[in-house]
Amino acid sequence: MSTESPSAPESTTPAPAPAPAAATPEAKPQRESRGGPGGNRGPGRGGPGGGFRRDDRNRNNRDNKDQGDGPTMIEKVVFINRCAKVVKGGRRFSFSALAVVGDGKGKVGIGYGKANEVPDAIKKGTANAHKHMVFVKLKGDTIPHDVLGTCDGGRVMLKPASPGTGLIAGGAVRAVLEAAGVKNVLTKSLGSSNHIAVVNATLNGLLQLRRAEDITKLRATS
């Protein structure tokens, strides 16, 4: 006879439900970006609803630089002079600047400016040179014929040269010829070495230049 005890009846009690998770705070709505549509700043210059980015500014600056506002000017400072005035408290200095401006295509100007500071003197001299630009007659990248320019004690001789010769000049004469656009020429300074006299003598020689066709027209009309 079997002595096994009867098995316990299975429990029908349902398992306890899991504890509810801790209530999490509601996520705050993210703030819309300033550059996106409907941003806080509204429509910007950079696009619909966007601001003006730094990349856009740099790109616009490059575009403006490539287009250019006009012909590129050649500006050269030939000489800066310092003058000292003795006053009761010591010495007071002032400066003067001699500047040459040209477009490298036949236009050149000379200016002279004075100020108590060097940058101001250069600025005045350059502005004065822009106001007094004149057109000189060249033959390609050289001059049409020999010429001797004079001004006060300055005397400068200019001679045309073949291509490849280069600009054989120095000091103030070289500055004026480079600004005018002369690339092949022979020069000689025969008089005073004063910078103002040499610059004006060089410009005087350039203004004396005449092309062959100009002389032909003058002979035909006379």
N, C-alpha and C. Protein backbone atom coordinates (compact mmCIF):
# COMPACT_ATOMS: atom_id res chain seq x y z
N MET A 1 0.86 -1.18 0.00
CA MET A 1 0.00 0.00 0.00
C MET A 1 0.89 1.22 0.00
N SER A 2 0.56 2.24 -0.84
CA SER A 2 1.43 3.42 -1.00
C SER A 2 1.25 4.32 0.19
N THR A 3 2.41 4.83 0.67
CA THR A 3 2.37 5.74 1.82
C THR A 3 2.65 7.19 1.42
N GLU A 4 2.69 7.53 0.06
CA GLU A 4 2.99 8.92 -0.37
C GLU A 4 1.88 9.83 0.09
N SER A 5 2.31 11.02 0.59
CA SER A 5 1.33 12.02 1.05
C SER A 5 0.78 12.75 -0.16
N PRO A 6 -0.45 13.11 -0.01
CA PRO A 6 -1.03 13.82 -1.17
C PRO A 6 -0.35 15.16 -1.38
N SER A 7 -0.12 15.57 -2.66
CA SER A 7 0.56 16.86 -3.00
C SER A 7 -0.32 18.01 -2.62
N ALA A 8 0.32 19.12 -2.25
CA ALA A 8 -0.44 20.32 -1.85
C ALA A 8 -1.10 20.94 -3.06
N PRO A 9 -2.29 21.39 -2.85
CA PRO A 9 -2.97 22.00 -4.01
C PRO A 9 -2.26 23.26 -4.47
N GLU A 10 -2.23 23.48 -5.80
CA GLU A 10 -1.56 24.67 -6.36
C GLU A 10 -2.28 25.93 -5.92
N SER A 11 -1.45 27.01 -5.65
CA SER A 11 -2.02 28.28 -5.20
C SER A 11 -2.59 29.03 -6.38
N THR A 12 -3.75 29.57 -6.17
CA THR A 12 -4.41 30.33 -7.25
C THR A 12 -4.34 31.83 -7.02
N THR A 13 -3.54 32.27 -6.01
CA THR A 13 -3.42 33.72 -5.72
C THR A 13 -2.58 34.39 -6.81
N PRO A 14 -3.09 35.45 -7.40
CA PRO A 14 -2.30 36.11 -8.49
C PRO A 14 -1.04 36.76 -7.93
N ALA A 15 0.04 36.86 -8.80
CA ALA A 15 1.32 37.46 -8.38
C ALA A 15 1.14 38.96 -8.20
N PRO A 16 1.80 39.54 -7.22
CA PRO A 16 1.65 40.99 -6.99
C PRO A 16 2.14 41.79 -8.19
N ALA A 17 1.40 42.83 -8.51
CA ALA A 17 1.79 43.68 -9.66
C ALA A 17 3.06 44.45 -9.34
N PRO A 18 3.91 44.68 -10.32
CA PRO A 18 5.17 45.42 -10.06
C PRO A 18 4.87 46.83 -9.61
N ALA A 19 5.75 47.33 -8.76
CA ALA A 19 5.55 48.68 -8.22
C ALA A 19 5.63 49.70 -9.35
N PRO A 20 4.76 50.65 -9.33
CA PRO A 20 4.82 51.65 -10.42
C PRO A 20 6.11 52.47 -10.37
N ALA A 21 6.64 52.78 -11.54
CA ALA A 21 7.90 53.54 -11.62
C ALA A 21 7.69 54.94 -11.10
N ALA A 22 8.79 55.51 -10.60
CA ALA A 22 8.71 56.87 -10.04
C ALA A 22 8.33 57.84 -11.14
N ALA A 23 7.44 58.71 -10.79
CA ALA A 23 6.98 59.69 -11.79
C ALA A 23 8.14 60.58 -12.20
N THR A 24 8.38 60.64 -13.49
CA THR A 24 9.47 61.48 -14.02
C THR A 24 8.91 62.83 -14.40
N PRO A 25 9.66 63.90 -14.16
CA PRO A 25 9.16 65.23 -14.54
C PRO A 25 9.06 65.34 -16.05
N GLU A 26 8.04 66.06 -16.46
CA GLU A 26 7.85 66.21 -17.91
C GLU A 26 9.03 66.97 -18.51
N ALA A 27 9.47 66.42 -19.66
CA ALA A 27 10.62 67.07 -20.32
C ALA A 27 10.20 68.44 -20.82
N LYS A 28 11.09 69.43 -20.54
CA LYS A 28 10.78 70.79 -20.99
C LYS A 28 10.90 70.89 -22.51
N PRO A 29 10.01 71.59 -23.13
CA PRO A 29 10.13 71.73 -24.59
C PRO A 29 11.41 72.45 -24.96
N GLN A 30 12.12 71.91 -25.93
CA GLN A 30 13.38 72.50 -26.35
C GLN A 30 13.12 73.83 -27.04
N ARG A 31 14.04 74.76 -26.75
CA ARG A 31 13.91 76.09 -27.35
C ARG A 31 14.33 76.04 -28.81
N GLU A 32 13.53 76.62 -29.63
CA GLU A 32 13.86 76.59 -31.06
C GLU A 32 15.12 77.41 -31.31
N SER A 33 15.92 76.88 -32.22
CA SER A 33 17.17 77.55 -32.52
C SER A 33 16.90 78.89 -33.18
N ARG A 34 17.86 79.81 -32.99
CA ARG A 34 17.70 81.14 -33.57
C ARG A 34 17.78 81.11 -35.10
N GLY A 35 18.53 80.15 -35.62
CA GLY A 35 18.71 80.13 -37.06
C GLY A 35 17.60 79.42 -37.79
N GLY A 36 16.75 78.66 -37.07
CA GLY A 36 15.71 77.88 -37.73
C GLY A 36 14.50 78.73 -38.03
N PRO A 37 13.58 78.16 -38.77
CA PRO A 37 12.36 78.90 -39.09
C PRO A 37 11.59 79.21 -37.82
N GLY A 38 11.07 80.42 -37.71
CA GLY A 38 10.28 80.79 -36.54
C GLY A 38 11.11 81.01 -35.31
N GLY A 39 12.40 81.32 -35.47
CA GLY A 39 13.26 81.54 -34.31
C GLY A 39 12.85 82.78 -33.55
N ASN A 40 13.54 83.01 -32.43
CA ASN A 40 13.17 84.12 -31.57
C ASN A 40 13.44 85.46 -32.24
N ARG A 41 14.43 85.48 -33.14
CA ARG A 41 14.79 86.74 -33.77
C ARG A 41 14.01 86.99 -35.07
N GLY A 42 13.27 86.01 -35.50
CA GLY A 42 12.51 86.20 -36.73
C GLY A 42 13.40 86.05 -37.94
N PRO A 43 12.87 86.35 -39.10
CA PRO A 43 13.65 86.18 -40.33
C PRO A 43 14.87 87.07 -40.31
N GLY A 44 16.01 86.50 -40.65
CA GLY A 44 17.25 87.25 -40.69
C GLY A 44 17.73 87.43 -42.10
N ARG A 45 18.91 88.09 -42.21
CA ARG A 45 19.45 88.34 -43.54
C ARG A 45 20.09 87.12 -44.17
N GLY A 46 20.43 86.14 -43.33
CA GLY A 46 21.14 84.99 -43.88
C GLY A 46 20.23 84.00 -44.56
N GLY A 47 18.91 84.08 -44.40
CA GLY A 47 18.01 83.12 -45.02
C GLY A 47 16.67 83.18 -44.32
N PRO A 48 15.71 82.33 -44.70
CA PRO A 48 14.39 82.37 -44.05
C PRO A 48 14.51 82.02 -42.58
N GLY A 49 14.26 83.00 -41.72
CA GLY A 49 14.30 82.75 -40.28
C GLY A 49 15.68 82.57 -39.72
N GLY A 50 16.73 82.86 -40.47
CA GLY A 50 18.08 82.63 -39.98
C GLY A 50 18.83 83.92 -39.81
N GLY A 51 19.85 83.88 -38.96
CA GLY A 51 20.68 85.05 -38.74
C GLY A 51 21.76 85.16 -39.80
N PHE A 52 22.52 86.25 -39.70
CA PHE A 52 23.61 86.48 -40.66
C PHE A 52 24.87 85.87 -40.08
N ARG A 53 25.32 84.76 -40.65
CA ARG A 53 26.44 84.02 -40.10
C ARG A 53 27.76 84.65 -40.50
N ARG A 54 28.81 84.28 -39.74
CA ARG A 54 30.13 84.81 -40.02
C ARG A 54 30.63 84.33 -41.37
N ASP A 55 30.32 83.09 -41.73
CA ASP A 55 30.76 82.57 -43.03
C ASP A 55 30.17 83.40 -44.16
N ASP A 56 28.90 83.82 -44.00
CA ASP A 56 28.28 84.63 -45.03
C ASP A 56 28.98 85.98 -45.16
N ARG A 57 29.35 86.57 -44.02
CA ARG A 57 30.05 87.85 -44.07
C ARG A 57 31.38 87.70 -44.78
N ASN A 58 32.15 86.66 -44.45
CA ASN A 58 33.43 86.47 -45.09
C ASN A 58 33.28 86.25 -46.59
N ARG A 59 32.25 85.48 -46.97
CA ARG A 59 32.04 85.22 -48.40
C ARG A 59 31.69 86.52 -49.13
N ASN A 60 30.87 87.37 -48.50
CA ASN A 60 30.51 88.63 -49.13
C ASN A 60 31.71 89.55 -49.24
N ASN A 61 32.57 89.55 -48.23
CA ASN A 61 33.77 90.38 -48.29
C ASN A 61 34.68 89.92 -49.41
N ARG A 62 34.82 88.60 -49.60
CA ARG A 62 35.65 88.11 -50.69
C ARG A 62 35.08 88.48 -52.03
N ASP A 63 33.76 88.41 -52.16
CA ASP A 63 33.14 88.77 -53.43
C ASP A 63 33.35 90.25 -53.74
N ASN A 64 33.20 91.11 -52.74
CA ASN A 64 33.41 92.53 -52.97
C ASN A 64 34.84 92.83 -53.34
N LYS A 65 35.79 92.10 -52.73
CA LYS A 65 37.19 92.32 -53.03
C LYS A 65 37.50 91.89 -54.45
N ASP A 66 36.90 90.77 -54.89
CA ASP A 66 37.17 90.31 -56.25
C ASP A 66 36.58 91.27 -57.28
N GLN A 67 35.38 91.80 -57.00
CA GLN A 67 34.79 92.71 -57.96
C GLN A 67 35.56 94.01 -58.03
N GLY A 68 35.97 94.55 -56.86
CA GLY A 68 36.73 95.78 -56.85
C GLY A 68 35.86 96.99 -57.07
N ASP A 69 36.24 98.09 -56.43
CA ASP A 69 35.50 99.33 -56.58
C ASP A 69 36.04 100.17 -57.73
N GLY A 70 37.17 99.83 -58.29
CA GLY A 70 37.74 100.61 -59.37
C GLY A 70 39.15 100.13 -59.67
N PRO A 71 39.87 100.88 -60.51
CA PRO A 71 41.24 100.48 -60.85
C PRO A 71 42.15 100.51 -59.63
N THR A 72 43.05 99.58 -59.56
CA THR A 72 43.99 99.52 -58.44
C THR A 72 45.02 100.62 -58.58
N MET A 73 45.18 101.41 -57.53
CA MET A 73 46.12 102.53 -57.55
C MET A 73 47.42 102.13 -56.88
N ILE A 74 48.52 102.64 -57.43
CA ILE A 74 49.85 102.42 -56.87
C ILE A 74 50.20 103.65 -56.03
N GLU A 75 50.43 103.45 -54.75
CA GLU A 75 50.75 104.54 -53.85
C GLU A 75 52.13 104.32 -53.25
N LYS A 76 53.00 105.32 -53.37
CA LYS A 76 54.37 105.21 -52.87
C LYS A 76 54.72 106.47 -52.08
N VAL A 77 55.37 106.27 -50.95
CA VAL A 77 55.88 107.38 -50.15
C VAL A 77 57.36 107.55 -50.50
N VAL A 78 57.69 108.69 -51.09
CA VAL A 78 59.05 108.92 -51.57
C VAL A 78 59.97 109.37 -50.43
N PHE A 79 59.47 110.30 -49.61
CA PHE A 79 60.35 110.87 -48.59
C PHE A 79 59.50 111.42 -47.45
N ILE A 80 59.99 111.25 -46.22
CA ILE A 80 59.36 111.82 -45.03
C ILE A 80 60.38 112.69 -44.32
N ASN A 81 60.05 113.96 -44.13
CA ASN A 81 60.96 114.91 -43.50
C ASN A 81 60.44 115.28 -42.11
N ARG A 82 61.35 115.43 -41.16
CA ARG A 82 61.00 115.81 -39.80
C ARG A 82 61.54 117.21 -39.51
N CYS A 83 60.68 118.04 -38.98
CA CYS A 83 61.07 119.40 -38.65
C CYS A 83 60.88 119.61 -37.14
N ALA A 84 61.85 120.23 -36.48
CA ALA A 84 61.81 120.46 -35.04
C ALA A 84 61.71 121.95 -34.76
N LYS A 85 60.73 122.32 -33.96
CA LYS A 85 60.55 123.71 -33.55
C LYS A 85 60.86 123.82 -32.07
N VAL A 86 61.80 124.70 -31.71
CA VAL A 86 62.21 124.85 -30.32
C VAL A 86 61.25 125.82 -29.62
N VAL A 87 60.60 125.33 -28.59
CA VAL A 87 59.66 126.14 -27.82
C VAL A 87 60.14 126.18 -26.36
N LYS A 88 59.35 126.83 -25.53
CA LYS A 88 59.76 127.01 -24.14
C LYS A 88 59.89 125.68 -23.41
N GLY A 89 59.00 124.72 -23.69
CA GLY A 89 59.04 123.44 -23.00
C GLY A 89 59.94 122.40 -23.64
N GLY A 90 60.59 122.73 -24.72
CA GLY A 90 61.45 121.76 -25.40
C GLY A 90 61.36 121.91 -26.92
N ARG A 91 61.36 120.77 -27.60
CA ARG A 91 61.25 120.78 -29.07
C ARG A 91 59.95 120.14 -29.50
N ARG A 92 59.29 120.76 -30.46
CA ARG A 92 58.04 120.25 -30.99
C ARG A 92 58.29 119.80 -32.43
N PHE A 93 57.95 118.54 -32.72
CA PHE A 93 58.25 117.96 -34.02
C PHE A 93 57.00 117.98 -34.91
N SER A 94 57.24 118.17 -36.19
CA SER A 94 56.21 118.04 -37.22
C SER A 94 56.81 117.28 -38.39
N PHE A 95 55.95 116.70 -39.22
CA PHE A 95 56.42 115.83 -40.30
C PHE A 95 55.77 116.24 -41.62
N SER A 96 56.51 116.03 -42.70
CA SER A 96 55.99 116.26 -44.05
C SER A 96 56.29 115.03 -44.89
N ALA A 97 55.35 114.66 -45.75
CA ALA A 97 55.49 113.45 -46.56
C ALA A 97 55.29 113.79 -48.03
N LEU A 98 56.16 113.24 -48.86
CA LEU A 98 56.07 113.38 -50.31
C LEU A 98 55.60 112.05 -50.88
N ALA A 99 54.45 112.04 -51.53
CA ALA A 99 53.83 110.80 -52.01
C ALA A 99 53.60 110.87 -53.52
N VAL A 100 53.62 109.70 -54.14
CA VAL A 100 53.36 109.56 -55.57
C VAL A 100 52.26 108.52 -55.75
N VAL A 101 51.28 108.82 -56.60
CA VAL A 101 50.14 107.93 -56.85
C VAL A 101 49.98 107.77 -58.35
N GLY A 102 49.69 106.55 -58.79
CA GLY A 102 49.45 106.29 -60.21
C GLY A 102 48.65 105.02 -60.39
N ASP A 103 48.10 104.85 -61.60
CA ASP A 103 47.33 103.64 -61.89
C ASP A 103 48.12 102.63 -62.71
N GLY A 104 49.39 102.93 -63.02
CA GLY A 104 50.21 102.01 -63.81
C GLY A 104 49.84 101.96 -65.28
N LYS A 105 48.98 102.89 -65.72
CA LYS A 105 48.54 102.90 -67.13
C LYS A 105 48.65 104.28 -67.75
N GLY A 106 49.52 105.12 -67.20
CA GLY A 106 49.73 106.43 -67.78
C GLY A 106 49.25 107.59 -66.94
N LYS A 107 48.60 107.34 -65.81
CA LYS A 107 48.14 108.42 -64.95
C LYS A 107 49.01 108.45 -63.70
N VAL A 108 49.48 109.63 -63.33
CA VAL A 108 50.37 109.76 -62.18
C VAL A 108 50.14 111.13 -61.55
N GLY A 109 50.34 111.19 -60.24
CA GLY A 109 50.17 112.44 -59.50
C GLY A 109 51.16 112.51 -58.35
N ILE A 110 51.52 113.75 -57.97
CA ILE A 110 52.46 113.99 -56.88
C ILE A 110 51.76 114.84 -55.82
N GLY A 111 51.94 114.47 -54.55
CA GLY A 111 51.31 115.21 -53.46
C GLY A 111 52.26 115.42 -52.31
N TYR A 112 51.99 116.48 -51.55
CA TYR A 112 52.83 116.84 -50.40
C TYR A 112 51.91 117.17 -49.23
N GLY A 113 52.15 116.54 -48.07
CA GLY A 113 51.30 116.77 -46.92
C GLY A 113 52.11 116.98 -45.65
N LYS A 114 51.57 117.81 -44.76
CA LYS A 114 52.24 118.10 -43.49
C LYS A 114 51.29 117.84 -42.34
N ALA A 115 51.83 117.32 -41.22
CA ALA A 115 51.02 117.05 -40.04
C ALA A 115 51.95 116.85 -38.85
N ASN A 116 51.36 116.76 -37.67
CA ASN A 116 52.15 116.54 -36.45
C ASN A 116 52.51 115.08 -36.24
N GLU A 117 51.87 114.17 -36.99
CA GLU A 117 52.16 112.75 -36.90
C GLU A 117 52.43 112.21 -38.30
N VAL A 118 53.27 111.16 -38.35
CA VAL A 118 53.65 110.60 -39.65
C VAL A 118 52.46 110.03 -40.42
N PRO A 119 51.60 109.21 -39.81
CA PRO A 119 50.46 108.67 -40.59
C PRO A 119 49.56 109.75 -41.17
N ASP A 120 49.34 110.83 -40.40
CA ASP A 120 48.50 111.92 -40.91
C ASP A 120 49.17 112.63 -42.08
N ALA A 121 50.48 112.80 -42.00
CA ALA A 121 51.20 113.44 -43.09
C ALA A 121 51.14 112.60 -44.37
N ILE A 122 51.30 111.28 -44.22
CA ILE A 122 51.22 110.40 -45.39
C ILE A 122 49.82 110.42 -45.99
N LYS A 123 48.81 110.42 -45.12
CA LYS A 123 47.42 110.45 -45.60
C LYS A 123 47.14 111.73 -46.38
N LYS A 124 47.61 112.87 -45.87
CA LYS A 124 47.40 114.13 -46.57
C LYS A 124 48.16 114.16 -47.89
N GLY A 125 49.40 113.69 -47.88
CA GLY A 125 50.17 113.68 -49.13
C GLY A 125 49.55 112.80 -50.19
N THR A 126 49.05 111.62 -49.79
CA THR A 126 48.41 110.71 -50.74
C THR A 126 47.13 111.31 -51.29
N ALA A 127 46.33 111.93 -50.42
CA ALA A 127 45.09 112.56 -50.89
C ALA A 127 45.38 113.71 -51.84
N ASN A 128 46.42 114.47 -51.56
CA ASN A 128 46.80 115.57 -52.46
C ASN A 128 47.27 115.05 -53.81
N ALA A 129 47.98 113.91 -53.79
CA ALA A 129 48.43 113.33 -55.06
C ALA A 129 47.25 112.84 -55.90
N HIS A 130 46.23 112.28 -55.25
CA HIS A 130 45.04 111.85 -55.98
C HIS A 130 44.34 113.03 -56.66
N LYS A 131 44.39 114.20 -56.04
CA LYS A 131 43.71 115.36 -56.61
C LYS A 131 44.45 115.95 -57.81
N HIS A 132 45.74 115.69 -57.91
CA HIS A 132 46.56 116.32 -58.95
C HIS A 132 47.13 115.29 -59.93
N MET A 133 46.34 114.29 -60.26
CA MET A 133 46.81 113.28 -61.22
C MET A 133 46.69 113.82 -62.64
N VAL A 134 47.69 113.49 -63.46
CA VAL A 134 47.73 113.91 -64.86
C VAL A 134 48.00 112.69 -65.73
N PHE A 135 47.70 112.81 -67.00
CA PHE A 135 47.90 111.70 -67.94
C PHE A 135 49.15 111.97 -68.76
N VAL A 136 50.05 110.99 -68.82
CA VAL A 136 51.28 111.10 -69.62
C VAL A 136 51.19 110.12 -70.77
N LYS A 137 51.79 110.46 -71.88
CA LYS A 137 51.70 109.67 -73.10
C LYS A 137 52.89 108.72 -73.19
N LEU A 138 52.59 107.44 -73.15
CA LEU A 138 53.61 106.40 -73.22
C LEU A 138 53.50 105.65 -74.54
N LYS A 139 54.51 104.88 -74.82
CA LYS A 139 54.53 104.02 -76.01
C LYS A 139 54.72 102.58 -75.53
N GLY A 140 53.59 101.89 -75.31
CA GLY A 140 53.67 100.55 -74.73
C GLY A 140 54.11 100.65 -73.28
N ASP A 141 55.21 99.97 -72.96
CA ASP A 141 55.73 100.03 -71.59
C ASP A 141 57.00 100.86 -71.50
N THR A 142 57.23 101.75 -72.47
CA THR A 142 58.37 102.65 -72.44
C THR A 142 57.90 104.04 -72.86
N ILE A 143 58.84 104.95 -73.13
CA ILE A 143 58.48 106.31 -73.53
C ILE A 143 58.76 106.49 -75.02
N PRO A 144 58.09 107.43 -75.69
CA PRO A 144 58.25 107.55 -77.14
C PRO A 144 59.62 108.06 -77.58
N HIS A 145 60.25 108.94 -76.81
CA HIS A 145 61.50 109.55 -77.27
C HIS A 145 62.29 110.06 -76.06
N ASP A 146 63.53 110.53 -76.33
CA ASP A 146 64.36 111.09 -75.27
C ASP A 146 63.77 112.41 -74.80
N VAL A 147 63.98 112.69 -73.52
CA VAL A 147 63.46 113.93 -72.96
C VAL A 147 64.29 114.30 -71.75
N LEU A 148 64.38 115.61 -71.49
CA LEU A 148 65.10 116.13 -70.32
C LEU A 148 64.13 116.97 -69.52
N GLY A 149 63.80 116.51 -68.31
CA GLY A 149 62.89 117.24 -67.44
C GLY A 149 63.64 118.06 -66.43
N THR A 150 63.15 119.26 -66.19
CA THR A 150 63.80 120.16 -65.24
C THR A 150 62.77 120.76 -64.30
N CYS A 151 63.19 121.04 -63.08
CA CYS A 151 62.37 121.73 -62.09
C CYS A 151 63.30 122.23 -60.99
N ASP A 152 63.36 123.55 -60.81
CA ASP A 152 64.28 124.16 -59.87
C ASP A 152 65.70 123.66 -60.17
N GLY A 153 66.34 123.02 -59.21
CA GLY A 153 67.70 122.53 -59.45
C GLY A 153 67.75 121.10 -59.96
N GLY A 154 66.61 120.46 -60.08
CA GLY A 154 66.58 119.07 -60.52
C GLY A 154 66.55 118.95 -62.03
N ARG A 155 67.36 118.04 -62.56
CA ARG A 155 67.40 117.77 -64.01
C ARG A 155 67.47 116.25 -64.18
N VAL A 156 66.49 115.68 -64.89
CA VAL A 156 66.40 114.23 -65.08
C VAL A 156 66.30 113.94 -66.57
N MET A 157 67.18 113.06 -67.03
CA MET A 157 67.18 112.65 -68.43
C MET A 157 66.51 111.28 -68.55
N LEU A 158 65.59 111.14 -69.51
CA LEU A 158 64.87 109.88 -69.74
C LEU A 158 65.10 109.45 -71.18
N LYS A 159 65.39 108.15 -71.35
CA LYS A 159 65.60 107.58 -72.68
C LYS A 159 64.79 106.29 -72.82
N PRO A 160 64.16 106.07 -73.98
CA PRO A 160 63.42 104.81 -74.18
C PRO A 160 64.38 103.63 -74.25
N ALA A 161 63.88 102.45 -73.91
CA ALA A 161 64.69 101.23 -73.91
C ALA A 161 63.87 100.09 -74.51
N SER A 162 64.58 99.09 -75.02
CA SER A 162 63.93 97.94 -75.64
C SER A 162 63.34 97.03 -74.57
N PRO A 163 62.37 96.19 -74.95
CA PRO A 163 61.76 95.28 -73.96
C PRO A 163 62.81 94.37 -73.32
N GLY A 164 62.70 94.18 -72.02
CA GLY A 164 63.64 93.36 -71.28
C GLY A 164 64.73 94.15 -70.59
N THR A 165 64.83 95.44 -70.90
CA THR A 165 65.86 96.27 -70.26
C THR A 165 65.56 96.49 -68.80
N GLY A 166 64.30 96.75 -68.52
CA GLY A 166 63.90 97.01 -67.14
C GLY A 166 63.89 98.50 -66.84
N LEU A 167 63.56 98.81 -65.61
CA LEU A 167 63.48 100.19 -65.16
C LEU A 167 64.81 100.58 -64.53
N ILE A 168 65.67 101.21 -65.32
CA ILE A 168 66.99 101.61 -64.84
C ILE A 168 66.86 102.99 -64.22
N ALA A 169 66.46 103.02 -62.98
CA ALA A 169 66.28 104.28 -62.26
C ALA A 169 66.30 103.97 -60.77
N GLY A 170 66.48 105.00 -59.99
CA GLY A 170 66.53 104.81 -58.55
C GLY A 170 65.92 105.98 -57.82
N GLY A 171 65.61 105.75 -56.55
CA GLY A 171 65.11 106.82 -55.71
C GLY A 171 63.78 107.37 -56.16
N ALA A 172 63.70 108.71 -56.18
CA ALA A 172 62.44 109.38 -56.50
C ALA A 172 62.05 109.17 -57.96
N VAL A 173 63.02 109.08 -58.86
CA VAL A 173 62.72 108.87 -60.28
C VAL A 173 62.02 107.53 -60.48
N ARG A 174 62.48 106.51 -59.83
CA ARG A 174 61.89 105.18 -59.97
C ARG A 174 60.46 105.16 -59.46
N ALA A 175 60.19 105.84 -58.35
CA ALA A 175 58.85 105.85 -57.80
C ALA A 175 57.86 106.47 -58.79
N VAL A 176 58.22 107.57 -59.43
CA VAL A 176 57.31 108.23 -60.38
C VAL A 176 57.09 107.35 -61.61
N LEU A 177 58.14 106.75 -62.14
CA LEU A 177 58.01 105.93 -63.36
C LEU A 177 57.22 104.66 -63.09
N GLU A 178 57.40 104.05 -61.94
CA GLU A 178 56.61 102.85 -61.60
C GLU A 178 55.14 103.19 -61.47
N ALA A 179 54.83 104.31 -60.84
CA ALA A 179 53.43 104.70 -60.69
C ALA A 179 52.80 105.02 -62.04
N ALA A 180 53.59 105.55 -62.97
CA ALA A 180 53.07 105.88 -64.30
C ALA A 180 52.90 104.65 -65.18
N GLY A 181 53.60 103.56 -64.88
CA GLY A 181 53.47 102.35 -65.68
C GLY A 181 54.61 102.12 -66.64
N VAL A 182 55.73 102.84 -66.51
CA VAL A 182 56.89 102.65 -67.38
C VAL A 182 57.70 101.47 -66.85
N LYS A 183 58.02 100.52 -67.75
CA LYS A 183 58.73 99.31 -67.35
C LYS A 183 60.11 99.18 -67.98
N ASN A 184 60.35 99.84 -69.10
CA ASN A 184 61.64 99.76 -69.78
C ASN A 184 62.09 101.18 -70.12
N VAL A 185 63.11 101.66 -69.42
CA VAL A 185 63.58 103.03 -69.64
C VAL A 185 64.96 103.19 -69.03
N LEU A 186 65.74 104.12 -69.58
CA LEU A 186 67.05 104.48 -69.04
C LEU A 186 66.96 105.91 -68.51
N THR A 187 67.48 106.14 -67.31
CA THR A 187 67.37 107.46 -66.69
C THR A 187 68.72 107.88 -66.11
N LYS A 188 68.82 109.21 -65.91
CA LYS A 188 70.02 109.76 -65.28
C LYS A 188 69.64 111.07 -64.60
N SER A 189 69.95 111.19 -63.31
CA SER A 189 69.71 112.42 -62.58
C SER A 189 70.96 113.28 -62.66
N LEU A 190 70.82 114.48 -63.24
CA LEU A 190 71.98 115.32 -63.52
C LEU A 190 72.10 116.53 -62.61
N GLY A 191 71.08 116.85 -61.86
CA GLY A 191 71.10 118.08 -61.07
C GLY A 191 71.04 117.80 -59.58
N SER A 192 70.19 118.56 -58.91
CA SER A 192 70.07 118.48 -57.45
C SER A 192 69.53 117.11 -57.04
N SER A 193 69.89 116.70 -55.84
CA SER A 193 69.40 115.44 -55.28
C SER A 193 68.21 115.65 -54.35
N ASN A 194 67.69 116.87 -54.28
CA ASN A 194 66.53 117.14 -53.45
C ASN A 194 65.34 116.33 -53.98
N HIS A 195 64.65 115.64 -53.07
CA HIS A 195 63.59 114.72 -53.48
C HIS A 195 62.46 115.45 -54.20
N ILE A 196 62.06 116.59 -53.71
CA ILE A 196 60.95 117.31 -54.33
C ILE A 196 61.34 117.78 -55.73
N ALA A 197 62.58 118.27 -55.87
CA ALA A 197 63.05 118.74 -57.18
C ALA A 197 63.15 117.59 -58.17
N VAL A 198 63.64 116.44 -57.72
CA VAL A 198 63.81 115.30 -58.63
C VAL A 198 62.46 114.76 -59.07
N VAL A 199 61.51 114.65 -58.13
CA VAL A 199 60.18 114.14 -58.48
C VAL A 199 59.49 115.06 -59.49
N ASN A 200 59.54 116.36 -59.24
CA ASN A 200 58.90 117.29 -60.16
C ASN A 200 59.62 117.37 -61.50
N ALA A 201 60.94 117.20 -61.52
CA ALA A 201 61.66 117.18 -62.79
C ALA A 201 61.29 115.94 -63.60
N THR A 202 61.11 114.80 -62.93
CA THR A 202 60.70 113.58 -63.64
C THR A 202 59.30 113.75 -64.23
N LEU A 203 58.39 114.32 -63.47
CA LEU A 203 57.04 114.54 -63.98
C LEU A 203 57.05 115.56 -65.12
N ASN A 204 57.90 116.57 -65.03
CA ASN A 204 58.01 117.55 -66.10
C ASN A 204 58.49 116.90 -67.40
N GLY A 205 59.43 115.96 -67.28
CA GLY A 205 59.88 115.25 -68.48
C GLY A 205 58.79 114.37 -69.08
N LEU A 206 58.00 113.69 -68.22
CA LEU A 206 56.92 112.84 -68.73
C LEU A 206 55.85 113.67 -69.43
N LEU A 207 55.59 114.89 -68.94
CA LEU A 207 54.57 115.72 -69.56
C LEU A 207 55.02 116.28 -70.92
N GLN A 208 56.31 116.26 -71.19
CA GLN A 208 56.81 116.73 -72.49
C GLN A 208 56.70 115.68 -73.59
N LEU A 209 56.35 114.45 -73.23
CA LEU A 209 56.33 113.36 -74.21
C LEU A 209 55.21 113.56 -75.22
N ARG A 210 55.51 113.23 -76.49
CA ARG A 210 54.52 113.30 -77.57
C ARG A 210 54.65 112.05 -78.42
N ARG A 211 53.52 111.52 -78.83
CA ARG A 211 53.53 110.36 -79.74
C ARG A 211 53.69 110.83 -81.18
N ALA A 212 54.07 109.89 -82.07
CA ALA A 212 54.25 110.24 -83.48
C ALA A 212 52.95 110.69 -84.11
N GLU A 213 51.84 110.03 -83.76
CA GLU A 213 50.56 110.41 -84.35
C GLU A 213 50.13 111.80 -83.90
N ASP A 214 50.50 112.20 -82.66
CA ASP A 214 50.16 113.54 -82.19
C ASP A 214 50.91 114.60 -82.99
N ILE A 215 52.18 114.34 -83.26
CA ILE A 215 52.97 115.29 -84.05
C ILE A 215 52.45 115.37 -85.48
N THR A 216 52.03 114.24 -86.03
CA THR A 216 51.47 114.24 -87.39
C THR A 216 50.19 115.07 -87.47
N LYS A 217 49.35 114.96 -86.45
CA LYS A 217 48.12 115.77 -86.44
C LYS A 217 48.43 117.26 -86.34
N LEU A 218 49.43 117.61 -85.53
CA LEU A 218 49.79 119.01 -85.41
C LEU A 218 50.32 119.58 -86.73
N ARG A 219 51.09 118.80 -87.44
CA ARG A 219 51.63 119.26 -88.73
C ARG A 219 50.51 119.38 -89.78
N ALA A 220 49.54 118.47 -89.69
CA ALA A 220 48.45 118.51 -90.67
C ALA A 220 47.56 119.72 -90.45
N THR A 221 47.36 120.10 -89.21
CA THR A 221 46.48 121.24 -88.92
C THR A 221 47.18 122.58 -89.12
N SER A 222 48.51 122.61 -89.08
CA SER A 222 49.25 123.87 -89.22
C SER A 222 49.43 124.26 -90.69
